[in-house]
Amino acid sequence: MVKQNDWKERLGMVYSTNPDFKYETPEESNSEILPANKQNLRVQLDRKQRKGKSVTLITGFAGSDDDLKELAKTLKTKCGVGGSAKDGEILIQGDFCNKVVEILSGLGYKVKRSGG
């Protein structure tokens, strides 16, 4: 019988003298993932703190980091440029606001173009 080695999950655990103590791993809370048609995304052109370069900024995404990264990958591929996704925001390098709005609308998202 092979015992599962889960010591990495218990790194912050301190020794317990309770003989009946069982370490419980925290379960991931599945935050409610909104379907595309219920999400309100904002698309804007941003130049702040970017050394004069423009980026298309998409905010308002509600979902997991994996879903955010997948959406960012789709947008970067369709625009043919680089970018990043973190903290609920997607950055697309360059001024692609109109194209991003069309792509997101085609995917079923509610999209609003903001000034920026």
PDB file of N, CA and C in Angstrom:
ATOM      1  N   MET A   1       0.846  -1.181   0.000  1.00  0.00           N
ATOM      2  CA  MET A   1       0.000   0.000   0.000  1.00  0.00           C
ATOM      3  C   MET A   1       0.891   1.243   0.000  1.00  0.00           C
ATOM      4  N   VAL A   2       0.658   2.132  -0.967  1.00  0.00           N
ATOM      5  CA  VAL A   2       1.466   3.332  -1.107  1.00  0.00           C
ATOM      6  C   VAL A   2       0.730   4.493  -0.456  1.00  0.00           C
ATOM      7  N   LYS A   3       1.410   5.150   0.466  1.00  0.00           N
ATOM      8  CA  LYS A   3       0.818   6.302   1.139  1.00  0.00           C
ATOM      9  C   LYS A   3       1.069   7.555   0.304  1.00  0.00           C
ATOM     10  N   GLN A   4       0.026   8.360   0.150  1.00  0.00           N
ATOM     11  CA  GLN A   4       0.155   9.588  -0.635  1.00  0.00           C
ATOM     12  C   GLN A   4       0.987  10.587   0.159  1.00  0.00           C
ATOM     13  N   ASN A   5       1.997  11.150  -0.478  1.00  0.00           N
ATOM     14  CA  ASN A   5       2.876  12.113   0.165  1.00  0.00           C
ATOM     15  C   ASN A   5       2.294  13.514  -0.041  1.00  0.00           C
ATOM     16  N   ASP A   6       1.661  14.026   1.012  1.00  0.00           N
ATOM     17  CA  ASP A   6       1.016  15.337   0.897  1.00  0.00           C
ATOM     18  C   ASP A   6       1.675  16.385   1.787  1.00  0.00           C
ATOM     19  N   TRP A   7       2.942  16.234   2.065  1.00  0.00           N
ATOM     20  CA  TRP A   7       3.632  17.151   2.970  1.00  0.00           C
ATOM     21  C   TRP A   7       3.658  18.588   2.456  1.00  0.00           C
ATOM     22  N   LYS A   8       3.632  18.776   1.147  1.00  0.00           N
ATOM     23  CA  LYS A   8       3.663  20.133   0.596  1.00  0.00           C
ATOM     24  C   LYS A   8       2.383  20.898   0.910  1.00  0.00           C
ATOM     25  N   GLU A   9       1.276  20.180   1.025  1.00  0.00           N
ATOM     26  CA  GLU A   9       0.005  20.821   1.345  1.00  0.00           C
ATOM     27  C   GLU A   9      -0.052  21.227   2.811  1.00  0.00           C
ATOM     28  N   ARG A  10       0.817  20.651   3.649  1.00  0.00           N
ATOM     29  CA  ARG A  10       0.782  20.900   5.083  1.00  0.00           C
ATOM     30  C   ARG A  10       1.967  21.740   5.551  1.00  0.00           C
ATOM     31  N   LEU A  11       2.600  22.509   4.692  1.00  0.00           N
ATOM     32  CA  LEU A  11       3.806  23.240   5.069  1.00  0.00           C
ATOM     33  C   LEU A  11       3.601  24.219   6.221  1.00  0.00           C
ATOM     34  N   GLY A  12       2.454  24.857   6.317  1.00  0.00           N
ATOM     35  CA  GLY A  12       2.215  25.822   7.384  1.00  0.00           C
ATOM     36  C   GLY A  12       1.683  25.192   8.657  1.00  0.00           C
ATOM     37  N   MET A  13       1.520  23.883   8.700  1.00  0.00           N
ATOM     38  CA  MET A  13       0.944  23.184   9.840  1.00  0.00           C
ATOM     39  C   MET A  13       1.947  23.072  10.974  1.00  0.00           C
ATOM     40  N   VAL A  14       1.481  23.329  12.187  1.00  0.00           N
ATOM     41  CA  VAL A  14       2.301  23.183  13.383  1.00  0.00           C
ATOM     42  C   VAL A  14       1.910  21.877  14.055  1.00  0.00           C
ATOM     43  N   TYR A  15       2.809  21.272  14.780  1.00  0.00           N
ATOM     44  CA  TYR A  15       2.575  20.000  15.443  1.00  0.00           C
ATOM     45  C   TYR A  15       1.404  20.090  16.413  1.00  0.00           C
ATOM     46  N   SER A  16       0.549  19.091  16.419  1.00  0.00           N
ATOM     47  CA  SER A  16      -0.587  19.044  17.325  1.00  0.00           C
ATOM     48  C   SER A  16      -0.432  17.867  18.282  1.00  0.00           C
ATOM     49  N   THR A  17      -0.751  18.086  19.575  1.00  0.00           N
ATOM     50  CA  THR A  17      -0.679  17.010  20.568  1.00  0.00           C
ATOM     51  C   THR A  17      -1.984  16.250  20.680  1.00  0.00           C
ATOM     52  N   ASN A  18      -3.006  16.678  19.985  1.00  0.00           N
ATOM     53  CA  ASN A  18      -4.301  16.017  20.018  1.00  0.00           C
ATOM     54  C   ASN A  18      -4.206  14.703  19.251  1.00  0.00           C
ATOM     55  N   PRO A  19      -4.442  13.560  19.908  1.00  0.00           N
ATOM     56  CA  PRO A  19      -4.314  12.273  19.206  1.00  0.00           C
ATOM     57  C   PRO A  19      -5.405  12.053  18.151  1.00  0.00           C
ATOM     58  N   ASP A  20      -6.517  12.755  18.264  1.00  0.00           N
ATOM     59  CA  ASP A  20      -7.608  12.589  17.297  1.00  0.00           C
ATOM     60  C   ASP A  20      -7.563  13.622  16.184  1.00  0.00           C
ATOM     61  N   PHE A  21      -6.498  14.434  16.137  1.00  0.00           N
ATOM     62  CA  PHE A  21      -6.410  15.499  15.137  1.00  0.00           C
ATOM     63  C   PHE A  21      -6.174  14.915  13.747  1.00  0.00           C
ATOM     64  N   LYS A  22      -6.947  15.398  12.797  1.00  0.00           N
ATOM     65  CA  LYS A  22      -6.754  15.032  11.395  1.00  0.00           C
ATOM     66  C   LYS A  22      -6.658  16.319  10.605  1.00  0.00           C
ATOM     67  N   TYR A  23      -5.604  16.442   9.832  1.00  0.00           N
ATOM     68  CA  TYR A  23      -5.419  17.640   9.019  1.00  0.00           C
ATOM     69  C   TYR A  23      -6.393  17.615   7.860  1.00  0.00           C
ATOM     70  N   GLU A  24      -7.138  18.699   7.713  1.00  0.00           N
ATOM     71  CA  GLU A  24      -8.095  18.804   6.610  1.00  0.00           C
ATOM     72  C   GLU A  24      -7.572  19.807   5.608  1.00  0.00           C
ATOM     73  N   THR A  25      -7.466  19.382   4.363  1.00  0.00           N
ATOM     74  CA  THR A  25      -7.010  20.301   3.327  1.00  0.00           C
ATOM     75  C   THR A  25      -8.171  21.204   2.940  1.00  0.00           C
ATOM     76  N   PRO A  26      -7.882  22.487   2.759  1.00  0.00           N
ATOM     77  CA  PRO A  26      -8.959  23.403   2.372  1.00  0.00           C
ATOM     78  C   PRO A  26      -9.456  23.061   0.970  1.00  0.00           C
ATOM     79  N   GLU A  27     -10.767  22.977   0.843  1.00  0.00           N
ATOM     80  CA  GLU A  27     -11.338  22.677  -0.469  1.00  0.00           C
ATOM     81  C   GLU A  27     -11.454  23.962  -1.264  1.00  0.00           C
ATOM     82  N   GLU A  28     -11.217  23.853  -2.548  1.00  0.00           N
ATOM     83  CA  GLU A  28     -11.331  25.025  -3.404  1.00  0.00           C
ATOM     84  C   GLU A  28     -12.788  25.439  -3.489  1.00  0.00           C
ATOM     85  N   SER A  29     -13.016  26.702  -3.236  1.00  0.00           N
ATOM     86  CA  SER A  29     -14.376  27.199  -3.351  1.00  0.00           C
ATOM     87  C   SER A  29     -14.622  27.527  -4.821  1.00  0.00           C
ATOM     88  N   ASN A  30     -15.603  26.898  -5.363  1.00  0.00           N
ATOM     89  CA  ASN A  30     -15.938  27.168  -6.761  1.00  0.00           C
ATOM     90  C   ASN A  30     -16.785  28.419  -6.803  1.00  0.00           C
ATOM     91  N   SER A  31     -16.124  29.539  -7.069  1.00  0.00           N
ATOM     92  CA  SER A  31     -16.878  30.773  -7.177  1.00  0.00           C
ATOM     93  C   SER A  31     -17.812  30.650  -8.376  1.00  0.00           C
ATOM     94  N   GLU A  32     -18.946  31.261  -8.234  1.00  0.00           N
ATOM     95  CA  GLU A  32     -19.946  31.135  -9.280  1.00  0.00           C
ATOM     96  C   GLU A  32     -19.415  31.734 -10.573  1.00  0.00           C
ATOM     97  N   ILE A  33     -19.329  30.913 -11.581  1.00  0.00           N
ATOM     98  CA  ILE A  33     -18.816  31.363 -12.863  1.00  0.00           C
ATOM     99  C   ILE A  33     -20.003  31.825 -13.703  1.00  0.00           C
ATOM    100  N   LEU A  34     -19.944  33.082 -14.066  1.00  0.00           N
ATOM    101  CA  LEU A  34     -21.030  33.642 -14.862  1.00  0.00           C
ATOM    102  C   LEU A  34     -20.880  33.250 -16.323  1.00  0.00           C
ATOM    103  N   PRO A  35     -21.982  32.920 -16.988  1.00  0.00           N
ATOM    104  CA  PRO A  35     -21.903  32.656 -18.422  1.00  0.00           C
ATOM    105  C   PRO A  35     -21.564  33.941 -19.170  1.00  0.00           C
ATOM    106  N   ALA A  36     -21.085  33.781 -20.386  1.00  0.00           N
ATOM    107  CA  ALA A  36     -20.612  34.924 -21.174  1.00  0.00           C
ATOM    108  C   ALA A  36     -21.668  36.009 -21.317  1.00  0.00           C
ATOM    109  N   ASN A  37     -22.924  35.635 -21.525  1.00  0.00           N
ATOM    110  CA  ASN A  37     -23.956  36.646 -21.769  1.00  0.00           C
ATOM    111  C   ASN A  37     -24.350  37.413 -20.507  1.00  0.00           C
ATOM    112  N   LYS A  38     -23.880  36.992 -19.335  1.00  0.00           N
ATOM    113  CA  LYS A  38     -24.167  37.695 -18.086  1.00  0.00           C
ATOM    114  C   LYS A  38     -23.014  38.595 -17.647  1.00  0.00           C
ATOM    115  N   GLN A  39     -21.886  38.532 -18.337  1.00  0.00           N
ATOM    116  CA  GLN A  39     -20.719  39.311 -17.943  1.00  0.00           C
ATOM    117  C   GLN A  39     -20.690  40.644 -18.688  1.00  0.00           C
ATOM    118  N   ASN A  40     -20.376  41.689 -17.934  1.00  0.00           N
ATOM    119  CA  ASN A  40     -20.252  43.023 -18.520  1.00  0.00           C
ATOM    120  C   ASN A  40     -18.776  43.393 -18.576  1.00  0.00           C
ATOM    121  N   LEU A  41     -18.209  43.329 -19.761  1.00  0.00           N
ATOM    122  CA  LEU A  41     -16.801  43.657 -19.933  1.00  0.00           C
ATOM    123  C   LEU A  41     -16.649  45.074 -20.450  1.00  0.00           C
ATOM    124  N   ARG A  42     -15.593  45.741 -20.013  1.00  0.00           N
ATOM    125  CA  ARG A  42     -15.283  47.086 -20.491  1.00  0.00           C
ATOM    126  C   ARG A  42     -13.982  47.041 -21.262  1.00  0.00           C
ATOM    127  N   VAL A  43     -13.991  47.657 -22.436  1.00  0.00           N
ATOM    128  CA  VAL A  43     -12.807  47.705 -23.286  1.00  0.00           C
ATOM    129  C   VAL A  43     -12.394  49.166 -23.415  1.00  0.00           C
ATOM    130  N   GLN A  44     -11.114  49.439 -23.149  1.00  0.00           N
ATOM    131  CA  GLN A  44     -10.640  50.815 -23.265  1.00  0.00           C
ATOM    132  C   GLN A  44      -9.185  50.831 -23.699  1.00  0.00           C
ATOM    133  N   LEU A  45      -8.795  51.961 -24.263  1.00  0.00           N
ATOM    134  CA  LEU A  45      -7.414  52.169 -24.665  1.00  0.00           C
ATOM    135  C   LEU A  45      -6.685  52.803 -23.495  1.00  0.00           C
ATOM    136  N   ASP A  46      -5.533  52.257 -23.138  1.00  0.00           N
ATOM    137  CA  ASP A  46      -4.805  52.735 -21.972  1.00  0.00           C
ATOM    138  C   ASP A  46      -3.369  53.062 -22.351  1.00  0.00           C
ATOM    139  N   ARG A  47      -2.903  54.222 -21.898  1.00  0.00           N
ATOM    140  CA  ARG A  47      -1.521  54.631 -22.157  1.00  0.00           C
ATOM    141  C   ARG A  47      -0.779  54.962 -20.869  1.00  0.00           C
ATOM    142  N   LYS A  48      -1.441  54.823 -19.740  1.00  0.00           N
ATOM    143  CA  LYS A  48      -0.863  55.240 -18.469  1.00  0.00           C
ATOM    144  C   LYS A  48       0.268  54.312 -18.038  1.00  0.00           C
ATOM    145  N   GLN A  49       1.376  54.885 -17.640  1.00  0.00           N
ATOM    146  CA  GLN A  49       2.545  54.170 -17.127  1.00  0.00           C
ATOM    147  C   GLN A  49       3.036  53.082 -18.082  1.00  0.00           C
ATOM    148  N   ARG A  50       2.964  53.363 -19.371  1.00  0.00           N
ATOM    149  CA  ARG A  50       3.406  52.378 -20.358  1.00  0.00           C
ATOM    150  C   ARG A  50       4.410  52.985 -21.328  1.00  0.00           C
ATOM    151  N   LYS A  51       5.079  54.037 -20.901  1.00  0.00           N
ATOM    152  CA  LYS A  51       6.117  54.691 -21.700  1.00  0.00           C
ATOM    153  C   LYS A  51       5.605  55.117 -23.075  1.00  0.00           C
ATOM    154  N   GLY A  52       4.364  55.611 -23.124  1.00  0.00           N
ATOM    155  CA  GLY A  52       3.800  56.128 -24.358  1.00  0.00           C
ATOM    156  C   GLY A  52       3.207  55.085 -25.276  1.00  0.00           C
ATOM    157  N   LYS A  53       3.312  53.814 -24.905  1.00  0.00           N
ATOM    158  CA  LYS A  53       2.754  52.757 -25.762  1.00  0.00           C
ATOM    159  C   LYS A  53       1.301  52.507 -25.393  1.00  0.00           C
ATOM    160  N   SER A  54       0.510  52.162 -26.387  1.00  0.00           N
ATOM    161  CA  SER A  54      -0.914  51.927 -26.174  1.00  0.00           C
ATOM    162  C   SER A  54      -1.183  50.455 -25.938  1.00  0.00           C
ATOM    163  N   VAL A  55      -2.115  50.179 -25.040  1.00  0.00           N
ATOM    164  CA  VAL A  55      -2.602  48.815 -24.852  1.00  0.00           C
ATOM    165  C   VAL A  55      -4.122  48.862 -24.804  1.00  0.00           C
ATOM    166  N   THR A  56      -4.743  47.789 -25.219  1.00  0.00           N
ATOM    167  CA  THR A  56      -6.178  47.641 -25.102  1.00  0.00           C
ATOM    168  C   THR A  56      -6.420  46.907 -23.798  1.00  0.00           C
ATOM    169  N   LEU A  57      -7.193  47.503 -22.896  1.00  0.00           N
ATOM    170  CA  LEU A  57      -7.428  46.967 -21.570  1.00  0.00           C
ATOM    171  C   LEU A  57      -8.859  46.458 -21.478  1.00  0.00           C
ATOM    172  N   ILE A  58      -9.023  45.197 -21.087  1.00  0.00           N
ATOM    173  CA  ILE A  58     -10.341  44.589 -20.914  1.00  0.00           C
ATOM    174  C   ILE A  58     -10.513  44.305 -19.432  1.00  0.00           C
ATOM    175  N   THR A  59     -11.529  44.893 -18.806  1.00  0.00           N
ATOM    176  CA  THR A  59     -11.780  44.698 -17.386  1.00  0.00           C
ATOM    177  C   THR A  59     -13.196  44.191 -17.166  1.00  0.00           C
ATOM    178  N   GLY A  60     -13.454  43.732 -15.939  1.00  0.00           N
ATOM    179  CA  GLY A  60     -14.801  43.297 -15.577  1.00  0.00           C
ATOM    180  C   GLY A  60     -15.043  41.814 -15.754  1.00  0.00           C
ATOM    181  N   PHE A  61     -14.005  41.026 -15.999  1.00  0.00           N
ATOM    182  CA  PHE A  61     -14.190  39.587 -16.202  1.00  0.00           C
ATOM    183  C   PHE A  61     -14.419  38.910 -14.858  1.00  0.00           C
ATOM    184  N   ALA A  62     -15.453  38.091 -14.764  1.00  0.00           N
ATOM    185  CA  ALA A  62     -15.736  37.320 -13.555  1.00  0.00           C
ATOM    186  C   ALA A  62     -15.592  35.845 -13.902  1.00  0.00           C
ATOM    187  N   GLY A  63     -14.601  35.214 -13.314  1.00  0.00           N
ATOM    188  CA  GLY A  63     -14.367  33.800 -13.573  1.00  0.00           C
ATOM    189  C   GLY A  63     -13.012  33.395 -13.039  1.00  0.00           C
ATOM    190  N   SER A  64     -12.619  32.172 -13.313  1.00  0.00           N
ATOM    191  CA  SER A  64     -11.349  31.663 -12.803  1.00  0.00           C
ATOM    192  C   SER A  64     -10.185  32.234 -13.605  1.00  0.00           C
ATOM    193  N   ASP A  65      -8.997  32.130 -13.022  1.00  0.00           N
ATOM    194  CA  ASP A  65      -7.795  32.605 -13.714  1.00  0.00           C
ATOM    195  C   ASP A  65      -7.566  31.826 -15.003  1.00  0.00           C
ATOM    196  N   ASP A  66      -7.895  30.533 -14.983  1.00  0.00           N
ATOM    197  CA  ASP A  66      -7.716  29.730 -16.192  1.00  0.00           C
ATOM    198  C   ASP A  66      -8.629  30.216 -17.316  1.00  0.00           C
ATOM    199  N   ASP A  67      -9.871  30.559 -16.960  1.00  0.00           N
ATOM    200  CA  ASP A  67     -10.803  31.081 -17.970  1.00  0.00           C
ATOM    201  C   ASP A  67     -10.329  32.426 -18.498  1.00  0.00           C
ATOM    202  N   LEU A  68      -9.795  33.247 -17.596  1.00  0.00           N
ATOM    203  CA  LEU A  68      -9.272  34.555 -17.995  1.00  0.00           C
ATOM    204  C   LEU A  68      -8.113  34.383 -18.968  1.00  0.00           C
ATOM    205  N   LYS A  69      -7.205  33.478 -18.659  1.00  0.00           N
ATOM    206  CA  LYS A  69      -6.046  33.252 -19.522  1.00  0.00           C
ATOM    207  C   LYS A  69      -6.463  32.666 -20.870  1.00  0.00           C
ATOM    208  N   GLU A  70      -7.477  31.816 -20.861  1.00  0.00           N
ATOM    209  CA  GLU A  70      -7.973  31.234 -22.108  1.00  0.00           C
ATOM    210  C   GLU A  70      -8.595  32.306 -23.006  1.00  0.00           C
ATOM    211  N   LEU A  71      -9.375  33.210 -22.396  1.00  0.00           N
ATOM    212  CA  LEU A  71      -9.964  34.310 -23.160  1.00  0.00           C
ATOM    213  C   LEU A  71      -8.877  35.235 -23.699  1.00  0.00           C
ATOM    214  N   ALA A  72      -7.864  35.520 -22.872  1.00  0.00           N
ATOM    215  CA  ALA A  72      -6.749  36.364 -23.309  1.00  0.00           C
ATOM    216  C   ALA A  72      -6.012  35.723 -24.470  1.00  0.00           C
ATOM    217  N   LYS A  73      -5.811  34.419 -24.403  1.00  0.00           N
ATOM    218  CA  LYS A  73      -5.113  33.707 -25.482  1.00  0.00           C
ATOM    219  C   LYS A  73      -5.900  33.813 -26.783  1.00  0.00           C
ATOM    220  N   THR A  74      -7.224  33.661 -26.691  1.00  0.00           N
ATOM    221  CA  THR A  74      -8.077  33.785 -27.874  1.00  0.00           C
ATOM    222  C   THR A  74      -7.961  35.186 -28.481  1.00  0.00           C
ATOM    223  N   LEU A  75      -8.033  36.210 -27.634  1.00  0.00           N
ATOM    224  CA  LEU A  75      -7.953  37.589 -28.127  1.00  0.00           C
ATOM    225  C   LEU A  75      -6.589  37.888 -28.734  1.00  0.00           C
ATOM    226  N   LYS A  76      -5.520  37.440 -28.079  1.00  0.00           N
ATOM    227  CA  LYS A  76      -4.174  37.694 -28.596  1.00  0.00           C
ATOM    228  C   LYS A  76      -3.967  36.999 -29.940  1.00  0.00           C
ATOM    229  N   THR A  77      -4.497  35.791 -30.065  1.00  0.00           N
ATOM    230  CA  THR A  77      -4.358  35.046 -31.325  1.00  0.00           C
ATOM    231  C   THR A  77      -5.110  35.734 -32.455  1.00  0.00           C
ATOM    232  N   LYS A  78      -6.353  36.149 -32.173  1.00  0.00           N
ATOM    233  CA  LYS A  78      -7.158  36.772 -33.227  1.00  0.00           C
ATOM    234  C   LYS A  78      -6.645  38.155 -33.621  1.00  0.00           C
ATOM    235  N   CYS A  79      -5.991  38.847 -32.673  1.00  0.00           N
ATOM    236  CA  CYS A  79      -5.423  40.159 -32.992  1.00  0.00           C
ATOM    237  C   CYS A  79      -4.001  40.035 -33.523  1.00  0.00           C
ATOM    238  N   GLY A  80      -3.375  38.902 -33.319  1.00  0.00           N
ATOM    239  CA  GLY A  80      -2.019  38.680 -33.817  1.00  0.00           C
ATOM    240  C   GLY A  80      -0.956  39.452 -33.063  1.00  0.00           C
ATOM    241  N   VAL A  81      -1.195  39.702 -31.763  1.00  0.00           N
ATOM    242  CA  VAL A  81      -0.247  40.460 -30.949  1.00  0.00           C
ATOM    243  C   VAL A  81      -0.057  39.772 -29.602  1.00  0.00           C
ATOM    244  N   GLY A  82       0.826  40.332 -28.794  1.00  0.00           N
ATOM    245  CA  GLY A  82       1.066  39.813 -27.452  1.00  0.00           C
ATOM    246  C   GLY A  82       0.172  40.496 -26.444  1.00  0.00           C
ATOM    247  N   GLY A  83       0.343  40.092 -25.205  1.00  0.00           N
ATOM    248  CA  GLY A  83      -0.439  40.676 -24.133  1.00  0.00           C
ATOM    249  C   GLY A  83      -0.304  39.840 -22.886  1.00  0.00           C
ATOM    250  N   SER A  84      -1.124  40.137 -21.892  1.00  0.00           N
ATOM    251  CA  SER A  84      -1.081  39.384 -20.648  1.00  0.00           C
ATOM    252  C   SER A  84      -2.453  39.381 -19.999  1.00  0.00           C
ATOM    253  N   ALA A  85      -2.607  38.496 -18.997  1.00  0.00           N
ATOM    254  CA  ALA A  85      -3.857  38.400 -18.255  1.00  0.00           C
ATOM    255  C   ALA A  85      -3.525  38.156 -16.792  1.00  0.00           C
ATOM    256  N   LYS A  86      -3.948  39.087 -15.932  1.00  0.00           N
ATOM    257  CA  LYS A  86      -3.787  38.878 -14.495  1.00  0.00           C
ATOM    258  C   LYS A  86      -4.684  39.838 -13.744  1.00  0.00           C
ATOM    259  N   ASP A  87      -5.019  39.469 -12.524  1.00  0.00           N
ATOM    260  CA  ASP A  87      -5.850  40.301 -11.645  1.00  0.00           C
ATOM    261  C   ASP A  87      -7.178  40.694 -12.285  1.00  0.00           C
ATOM    262  N   GLY A  88      -7.780  39.802 -13.050  1.00  0.00           N
ATOM    263  CA  GLY A  88      -9.075  40.083 -13.655  1.00  0.00           C
ATOM    264  C   GLY A  88      -9.034  41.028 -14.835  1.00  0.00           C
ATOM    265  N   GLU A  89      -7.836  41.347 -15.335  1.00  0.00           N
ATOM    266  CA  GLU A  89      -7.694  42.246 -16.481  1.00  0.00           C
ATOM    267  C   GLU A  89      -6.924  41.550 -17.597  1.00  0.00           C
ATOM    268  N   ILE A  90      -7.262  41.921 -18.812  1.00  0.00           N
ATOM    269  CA  ILE A  90      -6.530  41.420 -19.977  1.00  0.00           C
ATOM    270  C   ILE A  90      -5.919  42.620 -20.687  1.00  0.00           C
ATOM    271  N   LEU A  91      -4.634  42.538 -20.975  1.00  0.00           N
ATOM    272  CA  LEU A  91      -3.933  43.578 -21.726  1.00  0.00           C
ATOM    273  C   LEU A  91      -3.582  43.028 -23.098  1.00  0.00           C
ATOM    274  N   ILE A  92      -3.969  43.746 -24.129  1.00  0.00           N
ATOM    275  CA  ILE A  92      -3.615  43.398 -25.498  1.00  0.00           C
ATOM    276  C   ILE A  92      -2.735  44.524 -26.016  1.00  0.00           C
ATOM    277  N   GLN A  93      -1.553  44.200 -26.499  1.00  0.00           N
ATOM    278  CA  GLN A  93      -0.623  45.233 -26.951  1.00  0.00           C
ATOM    279  C   GLN A  93      -1.142  45.901 -28.214  1.00  0.00           C
ATOM    280  N   GLY A  94      -1.215  47.236 -28.176  1.00  0.00           N
ATOM    281  CA  GLY A  94      -1.655  47.998 -29.338  1.00  0.00           C
ATOM    282  C   GLY A  94      -3.101  48.448 -29.212  1.00  0.00           C
ATOM    283  N   ASP A  95      -3.537  49.232 -30.186  1.00  0.00           N
ATOM    284  CA  ASP A  95      -4.900  49.764 -30.205  1.00  0.00           C
ATOM    285  C   ASP A  95      -5.797  48.831 -31.014  1.00  0.00           C
ATOM    286  N   PHE A  96      -6.440  47.905 -30.327  1.00  0.00           N
ATOM    287  CA  PHE A  96      -7.335  46.940 -30.970  1.00  0.00           C
ATOM    288  C   PHE A  96      -8.725  46.989 -30.346  1.00  0.00           C
ATOM    289  N   CYS A  97      -9.123  48.154 -29.832  1.00  0.00           N
ATOM    290  CA  CYS A  97     -10.401  48.263 -29.126  1.00  0.00           C
ATOM    291  C   CYS A  97     -11.584  47.797 -29.967  1.00  0.00           C
ATOM    292  N   ASN A  98     -11.692  48.311 -31.184  1.00  0.00           N
ATOM    293  CA  ASN A  98     -12.837  47.957 -32.024  1.00  0.00           C
ATOM    294  C   ASN A  98     -12.842  46.472 -32.370  1.00  0.00           C
ATOM    295  N   LYS A  99     -11.679  45.924 -32.689  1.00  0.00           N
ATOM    296  CA  LYS A  99     -11.586  44.500 -33.035  1.00  0.00           C
ATOM    297  C   LYS A  99     -11.923  43.630 -31.831  1.00  0.00           C
ATOM    298  N   VAL A 100     -11.433  44.020 -30.631  1.00  0.00           N
ATOM    299  CA  VAL A 100     -11.704  43.258 -29.412  1.00  0.00           C
ATOM    300  C   VAL A 100     -13.195  43.284 -29.086  1.00  0.00           C
ATOM    301  N   VAL A 101     -13.832  44.444 -29.259  1.00  0.00           N
ATOM    302  CA  VAL A 101     -15.274  44.546 -29.013  1.00  0.00           C
ATOM    303  C   VAL A 101     -16.033  43.603 -29.943  1.00  0.00           C
ATOM    304  N   GLU A 102     -15.648  43.557 -31.221  1.00  0.00           N
ATOM    305  CA  GLU A 102     -16.300  42.655 -32.179  1.00  0.00           C
ATOM    306  C   GLU A 102     -16.103  41.193 -31.787  1.00  0.00           C
ATOM    307  N   ILE A 103     -14.883  40.834 -31.398  1.00  0.00           N
ATOM    308  CA  ILE A 103     -14.575  39.439 -31.036  1.00  0.00           C
ATOM    309  C   ILE A 103     -15.367  39.031 -29.797  1.00  0.00           C
ATOM    310  N   LEU A 104     -15.354  39.884 -28.765  1.00  0.00           N
ATOM    311  CA  LEU A 104     -16.065  39.553 -27.524  1.00  0.00           C
ATOM    312  C   LEU A 104     -17.572  39.481 -27.748  1.00  0.00           C
ATOM    313  N   SER A 105     -18.104  40.378 -28.571  1.00  0.00           N
ATOM    314  CA  SER A 105     -19.536  40.332 -28.888  1.00  0.00           C
ATOM    315  C   SER A 105     -19.872  39.034 -29.608  1.00  0.00           C
ATOM    316  N   GLY A 106     -18.988  38.611 -30.504  1.00  0.00           N
ATOM    317  CA  GLY A 106     -19.187  37.361 -31.223  1.00  0.00           C
ATOM    318  C   GLY A 106     -19.148  36.147 -30.305  1.00  0.00           C
ATOM    319  N   LEU A 107     -18.408  36.254 -29.201  1.00  0.00           N
ATOM    320  CA  LEU A 107     -18.336  35.156 -28.230  1.00  0.00           C
ATOM    321  C   LEU A 107     -19.505  35.189 -27.244  1.00  0.00           C
ATOM    322  N   GLY A 108     -20.346  36.223 -27.323  1.00  0.00           N
ATOM    323  CA  GLY A 108     -21.530  36.291 -26.483  1.00  0.00           C
ATOM    324  C   GLY A 108     -21.409  37.168 -25.264  1.00  0.00           C
ATOM    325  N   TYR A 109     -20.320  37.884 -25.112  1.00  0.00           N
ATOM    326  CA  TYR A 109     -20.159  38.762 -23.950  1.00  0.00           C
ATOM    327  C   TYR A 109     -20.876  40.085 -24.174  1.00  0.00           C
ATOM    328  N   LYS A 110     -21.328  40.703 -23.067  1.00  0.00           N
ATOM    329  CA  LYS A 110     -21.841  42.060 -23.119  1.00  0.00           C
ATOM    330  C   LYS A 110     -20.626  42.969 -23.024  1.00  0.00           C
ATOM    331  N   VAL A 111     -20.424  43.797 -24.034  1.00  0.00           N
ATOM    332  CA  VAL A 111     -19.214  44.599 -24.084  1.00  0.00           C
ATOM    333  C   VAL A 111     -19.580  46.068 -24.196  1.00  0.00           C
ATOM    334  N   LYS A 112     -18.848  46.889 -23.447  1.00  0.00           N
ATOM    335  CA  LYS A 112     -19.043  48.336 -23.520  1.00  0.00           C
ATOM    336  C   LYS A 112     -17.690  48.980 -23.762  1.00  0.00           C
ATOM    337  N   ARG A 113     -17.639  49.873 -24.717  1.00  0.00           N
ATOM    338  CA  ARG A 113     -16.404  50.597 -25.035  1.00  0.00           C
ATOM    339  C   ARG A 113     -16.330  51.820 -24.153  1.00  0.00           C
ATOM    340  N   SER A 114     -15.287  51.911 -23.353  1.00  0.00           N
ATOM    341  CA  SER A 114     -15.114  53.054 -22.450  1.00  0.00           C
ATOM    342  C   SER A 114     -14.083  53.989 -23.029  1.00  0.00           C
ATOM    343  N   GLY A 115     -14.183  55.252 -22.661  1.00  0.00           N
ATOM    344  CA  GLY A 115     -13.154  56.202 -23.037  1.00  0.00           C
ATOM    345  C   GLY A 115     -11.910  55.952 -22.221  1.00  0.00           C
ATOM    346  N   GLY A 116     -10.756  56.321 -22.725  1.00  0.00           N
ATOM    347  CA  GLY A 116      -9.584  56.025 -21.925  1.00  0.00           C
ATOM    348  C   GLY A 116      -8.406  56.708 -22.390  1.00  0.00           C
TER     349      GLY A 116
END
